[in-house]
Amino acid sequence: MTDAVKLAAEVLKEHRASIDRLDAILVYTLGERFKHTQAVGKLKAEHDLPPSDPNREAGQIARLEDLANRADLDPEFAKKFLNFIIAEVIQHHKKHQS
């Protein structure tokens, strides 16, 4: 194995370790986020509020799009990601109302 290949393998290993740490951060962050959205769902159910808040959702999507632009992340990907999360949260809120 050449020195260049060894160096590339070491750099690859470092990138993968960073990716693994970031994946853990994402999972724990999503876990924390869903704890709060579960509490919101229960509160909405207790007070007979609708599970969905289109104005809030639109604002969040616009905010995330801005954050994505500043973070050099594809804003379309960020919107798809948030839409996925919002859909999951709404399903949880509907379960609380049942």
N, C-alpha and C. Protein backbone atom coordinates (compact mmCIF):
# COMPACT_ATOMS: atom_id res chain seq x y z
N MET A 1 0.86 -1.17 0.00
CA MET A 1 0.00 0.00 0.00
C MET A 1 0.91 1.24 0.00
N THR A 2 0.59 2.18 -0.86
CA THR A 2 1.41 3.39 -0.96
C THR A 2 1.11 4.34 0.19
N ASP A 3 2.01 5.29 0.39
CA ASP A 3 1.79 6.29 1.44
C ASP A 3 0.53 7.10 1.16
N ALA A 4 0.27 7.41 -0.10
CA ALA A 4 -0.93 8.19 -0.46
C ALA A 4 -2.19 7.41 -0.11
N VAL A 5 -2.18 6.11 -0.35
CA VAL A 5 -3.35 5.27 -0.04
C VAL A 5 -3.53 5.17 1.47
N LYS A 6 -2.43 5.03 2.20
CA LYS A 6 -2.51 4.99 3.67
C LYS A 6 -3.06 6.29 4.22
N LEU A 7 -2.59 7.40 3.68
CA LEU A 7 -3.08 8.70 4.12
C LEU A 7 -4.57 8.85 3.81
N ALA A 8 -4.96 8.43 2.62
CA ALA A 8 -6.38 8.51 2.23
C ALA A 8 -7.23 7.65 3.16
N ALA A 9 -6.73 6.47 3.52
CA ALA A 9 -7.46 5.58 4.42
C ALA A 9 -7.61 6.22 5.80
N GLU A 10 -6.58 6.90 6.28
CA GLU A 10 -6.64 7.57 7.57
C GLU A 10 -7.63 8.74 7.54
N VAL A 11 -7.59 9.52 6.47
CA VAL A 11 -8.53 10.64 6.33
C VAL A 11 -9.96 10.12 6.25
N LEU A 12 -10.15 9.05 5.50
CA LEU A 12 -11.48 8.43 5.40
C LEU A 12 -11.97 7.99 6.78
N LYS A 13 -11.09 7.37 7.54
CA LYS A 13 -11.44 6.91 8.89
C LYS A 13 -11.87 8.09 9.76
N GLU A 14 -11.15 9.20 9.68
CA GLU A 14 -11.49 10.40 10.46
C GLU A 14 -12.84 10.98 10.04
N HIS A 15 -13.08 11.02 8.73
CA HIS A 15 -14.38 11.52 8.25
C HIS A 15 -15.51 10.63 8.76
N ARG A 16 -15.30 9.33 8.69
CA ARG A 16 -16.35 8.40 9.14
C ARG A 16 -16.60 8.52 10.63
N ALA A 17 -15.56 8.73 11.42
CA ALA A 17 -15.73 8.92 12.86
C ALA A 17 -16.55 10.19 13.12
N SER A 18 -16.27 11.24 12.38
CA SER A 18 -17.05 12.48 12.52
C SER A 18 -18.50 12.25 12.13
N ILE A 19 -18.72 11.54 11.05
CA ILE A 19 -20.08 11.23 10.60
C ILE A 19 -20.82 10.43 11.67
N ASP A 20 -20.15 9.46 12.26
CA ASP A 20 -20.78 8.67 13.33
C ASP A 20 -21.16 9.53 14.53
N ARG A 21 -20.29 10.45 14.92
CA ARG A 21 -20.60 11.35 16.03
C ARG A 21 -21.79 12.25 15.68
N LEU A 22 -21.79 12.76 14.46
CA LEU A 22 -22.90 13.63 14.03
C LEU A 22 -24.21 12.87 13.95
N ASP A 23 -24.16 11.61 13.50
CA ASP A 23 -25.37 10.79 13.48
C ASP A 23 -25.93 10.62 14.90
N ALA A 24 -25.04 10.40 15.86
CA ALA A 24 -25.48 10.27 17.25
C ALA A 24 -26.13 11.57 17.73
N ILE A 25 -25.52 12.70 17.39
CA ILE A 25 -26.08 14.00 17.77
C ILE A 25 -27.47 14.17 17.15
N LEU A 26 -27.62 13.79 15.88
CA LEU A 26 -28.93 13.91 15.22
C LEU A 26 -29.98 13.05 15.91
N VAL A 27 -29.63 11.83 16.24
CA VAL A 27 -30.59 10.93 16.87
C VAL A 27 -31.01 11.45 18.24
N TYR A 28 -30.04 11.85 19.05
CA TYR A 28 -30.38 12.38 20.37
C TYR A 28 -31.15 13.69 20.28
N THR A 29 -30.81 14.53 19.29
CA THR A 29 -31.53 15.78 19.10
C THR A 29 -32.97 15.51 18.68
N LEU A 30 -33.16 14.57 17.77
CA LEU A 30 -34.53 14.22 17.37
C LEU A 30 -35.31 13.64 18.54
N GLY A 31 -34.63 12.82 19.36
CA GLY A 31 -35.29 12.28 20.55
C GLY A 31 -35.77 13.39 21.47
N GLU A 32 -34.93 14.37 21.70
CA GLU A 32 -35.29 15.51 22.55
C GLU A 32 -36.42 16.31 21.92
N ARG A 33 -36.34 16.52 20.61
CA ARG A 33 -37.37 17.28 19.91
C ARG A 33 -38.72 16.59 20.06
N PHE A 34 -38.74 15.26 19.87
CA PHE A 34 -40.00 14.54 19.94
C PHE A 34 -40.55 14.47 21.36
N LYS A 35 -39.70 14.55 22.38
CA LYS A 35 -40.21 14.66 23.75
C LYS A 35 -41.06 15.92 23.88
N HIS A 36 -40.56 17.01 23.32
CA HIS A 36 -41.30 18.27 23.40
C HIS A 36 -42.56 18.24 22.54
N THR A 37 -42.48 17.66 21.34
CA THR A 37 -43.67 17.61 20.50
C THR A 37 -44.73 16.68 21.10
N GLN A 38 -44.29 15.64 21.82
CA GLN A 38 -45.26 14.78 22.51
C GLN A 38 -45.99 15.58 23.58
N ALA A 39 -45.24 16.41 24.31
CA ALA A 39 -45.86 17.25 25.34
C ALA A 39 -46.83 18.25 24.71
N VAL A 40 -46.45 18.80 23.56
CA VAL A 40 -47.34 19.71 22.84
C VAL A 40 -48.61 18.97 22.42
N GLY A 41 -48.45 17.76 21.91
CA GLY A 41 -49.61 16.97 21.50
C GLY A 41 -50.57 16.71 22.64
N LYS A 42 -50.03 16.38 23.81
CA LYS A 42 -50.88 16.14 24.98
C LYS A 42 -51.59 17.42 25.40
N LEU A 43 -50.87 18.52 25.38
CA LEU A 43 -51.46 19.82 25.74
C LEU A 43 -52.58 20.19 24.76
N LYS A 44 -52.33 19.98 23.47
CA LYS A 44 -53.37 20.26 22.47
C LYS A 44 -54.59 19.39 22.70
N ALA A 45 -54.37 18.11 22.99
CA ALA A 45 -55.49 17.19 23.22
C ALA A 45 -56.29 17.61 24.45
N GLU A 46 -55.59 18.00 25.52
CA GLU A 46 -56.26 18.41 26.75
C GLU A 46 -57.13 19.65 26.55
N HIS A 47 -56.74 20.49 25.60
CA HIS A 47 -57.46 21.75 25.40
C HIS A 47 -58.21 21.78 24.07
N ASP A 48 -58.39 20.59 23.49
CA ASP A 48 -59.15 20.44 22.26
C ASP A 48 -58.65 21.36 21.14
N LEU A 49 -57.35 21.47 21.02
CA LEU A 49 -56.74 22.25 19.95
C LEU A 49 -56.44 21.33 18.77
N PRO A 50 -56.45 21.86 17.54
CA PRO A 50 -56.19 21.00 16.38
C PRO A 50 -54.76 20.46 16.39
N PRO A 51 -54.57 19.25 15.88
CA PRO A 51 -53.23 18.65 15.87
C PRO A 51 -52.26 19.37 14.94
N SER A 52 -52.79 20.06 13.96
CA SER A 52 -51.95 20.75 12.97
C SER A 52 -52.12 22.26 13.12
N ASP A 53 -51.02 22.98 12.90
CA ASP A 53 -51.04 24.45 12.93
C ASP A 53 -50.34 24.93 11.66
N PRO A 54 -51.10 25.08 10.57
CA PRO A 54 -50.49 25.42 9.28
C PRO A 54 -49.65 26.69 9.31
N ASN A 55 -50.06 27.70 10.07
CA ASN A 55 -49.26 28.93 10.14
C ASN A 55 -47.90 28.66 10.79
N ARG A 56 -47.91 27.92 11.87
CA ARG A 56 -46.66 27.55 12.55
C ARG A 56 -45.78 26.73 11.62
N GLU A 57 -46.38 25.76 10.94
CA GLU A 57 -45.62 24.89 10.05
C GLU A 57 -44.98 25.68 8.91
N ALA A 58 -45.73 26.61 8.33
CA ALA A 58 -45.19 27.43 7.24
C ALA A 58 -44.04 28.30 7.75
N GLY A 59 -44.20 28.85 8.94
CA GLY A 59 -43.13 29.66 9.53
C GLY A 59 -41.89 28.84 9.81
N GLN A 60 -42.10 27.63 10.29
CA GLN A 60 -40.96 26.75 10.57
C GLN A 60 -40.22 26.37 9.30
N ILE A 61 -40.97 26.10 8.25
CA ILE A 61 -40.34 25.74 6.98
C ILE A 61 -39.52 26.91 6.45
N ALA A 62 -40.08 28.11 6.52
CA ALA A 62 -39.34 29.29 6.06
C ALA A 62 -38.09 29.52 6.91
N ARG A 63 -38.22 29.33 8.23
CA ARG A 63 -37.08 29.50 9.13
C ARG A 63 -35.99 28.47 8.83
N LEU A 64 -36.42 27.22 8.62
CA LEU A 64 -35.45 26.16 8.34
C LEU A 64 -34.77 26.38 6.99
N GLU A 65 -35.53 26.89 6.02
CA GLU A 65 -34.94 27.18 4.71
C GLU A 65 -33.84 28.24 4.85
N ASP A 66 -34.11 29.25 5.66
CA ASP A 66 -33.10 30.29 5.90
C ASP A 66 -31.88 29.70 6.60
N LEU A 67 -32.12 28.89 7.63
CA LEU A 67 -31.00 28.24 8.32
C LEU A 67 -30.19 27.37 7.38
N ALA A 68 -30.88 26.64 6.52
CA ALA A 68 -30.20 25.77 5.56
C ALA A 68 -29.31 26.58 4.63
N ASN A 69 -29.83 27.68 4.14
CA ASN A 69 -29.02 28.53 3.27
C ASN A 69 -27.77 29.01 3.99
N ARG A 70 -27.92 29.41 5.25
CA ARG A 70 -26.77 29.90 6.00
C ARG A 70 -25.79 28.78 6.33
N ALA A 71 -26.29 27.56 6.44
CA ALA A 71 -25.45 26.42 6.77
C ALA A 71 -24.88 25.73 5.53
N ASP A 72 -25.16 26.29 4.37
CA ASP A 72 -24.70 25.71 3.10
C ASP A 72 -25.27 24.30 2.90
N LEU A 73 -26.54 24.16 3.26
CA LEU A 73 -27.28 22.90 3.08
C LEU A 73 -28.37 23.15 2.06
N ASP A 74 -28.60 22.20 1.21
CA ASP A 74 -29.64 22.34 0.19
C ASP A 74 -30.98 22.63 0.87
N PRO A 75 -31.56 23.81 0.63
CA PRO A 75 -32.82 24.16 1.31
C PRO A 75 -33.97 23.23 0.94
N GLU A 76 -33.96 22.67 -0.25
CA GLU A 76 -35.02 21.72 -0.62
C GLU A 76 -34.93 20.46 0.23
N PHE A 77 -33.73 20.00 0.48
CA PHE A 77 -33.54 18.84 1.36
C PHE A 77 -34.04 19.19 2.76
N ALA A 78 -33.68 20.37 3.25
CA ALA A 78 -34.09 20.80 4.59
C ALA A 78 -35.61 20.86 4.69
N LYS A 79 -36.27 21.37 3.65
CA LYS A 79 -37.74 21.44 3.67
C LYS A 79 -38.35 20.04 3.67
N LYS A 80 -37.81 19.14 2.87
CA LYS A 80 -38.31 17.76 2.85
C LYS A 80 -38.14 17.12 4.22
N PHE A 81 -37.00 17.34 4.83
CA PHE A 81 -36.71 16.78 6.14
C PHE A 81 -37.71 17.31 7.18
N LEU A 82 -37.92 18.62 7.20
CA LEU A 82 -38.85 19.20 8.16
C LEU A 82 -40.28 18.76 7.87
N ASN A 83 -40.66 18.67 6.61
CA ASN A 83 -42.01 18.20 6.28
C ASN A 83 -42.22 16.78 6.78
N PHE A 84 -41.18 15.95 6.68
CA PHE A 84 -41.27 14.58 7.20
C PHE A 84 -41.48 14.60 8.71
N ILE A 85 -40.71 15.42 9.40
CA ILE A 85 -40.84 15.52 10.85
C ILE A 85 -42.22 16.05 11.24
N ILE A 86 -42.67 17.09 10.55
CA ILE A 86 -43.99 17.67 10.85
C ILE A 86 -45.08 16.63 10.67
N ALA A 87 -45.02 15.86 9.60
CA ALA A 87 -46.03 14.82 9.36
C ALA A 87 -46.03 13.80 10.50
N GLU A 88 -44.86 13.44 10.96
CA GLU A 88 -44.75 12.48 12.07
C GLU A 88 -45.33 13.09 13.35
N VAL A 89 -45.02 14.33 13.61
CA VAL A 89 -45.53 15.02 14.81
C VAL A 89 -47.05 15.09 14.77
N ILE A 90 -47.60 15.44 13.62
CA ILE A 90 -49.06 15.54 13.49
C ILE A 90 -49.72 14.17 13.78
N GLN A 91 -49.10 13.10 13.29
CA GLN A 91 -49.62 11.77 13.57
C GLN A 91 -49.62 11.50 15.07
N HIS A 92 -48.55 11.90 15.75
CA HIS A 92 -48.49 11.72 17.21
C HIS A 92 -49.58 12.54 17.89
N HIS A 93 -49.78 13.77 17.42
CA HIS A 93 -50.80 14.63 18.02
C HIS A 93 -52.20 14.03 17.82
N LYS A 94 -52.43 13.47 16.66
CA LYS A 94 -53.73 12.84 16.40
C LYS A 94 -53.95 11.65 17.32
N LYS A 95 -52.90 10.89 17.60
CA LYS A 95 -53.02 9.75 18.53
C LYS A 95 -53.43 10.22 19.92
N HIS A 96 -52.89 11.35 20.34
CA HIS A 96 -53.22 11.88 21.67
C HIS A 96 -54.68 12.30 21.73
N GLN A 97 -55.25 12.69 20.61
CA GLN A 97 -56.63 13.15 20.60
C GLN A 97 -57.63 12.01 20.49
N SER A 98 -57.12 10.84 20.20
CA SER A 98 -58.03 9.67 20.08
C SER A 98 -58.47 9.15 21.43
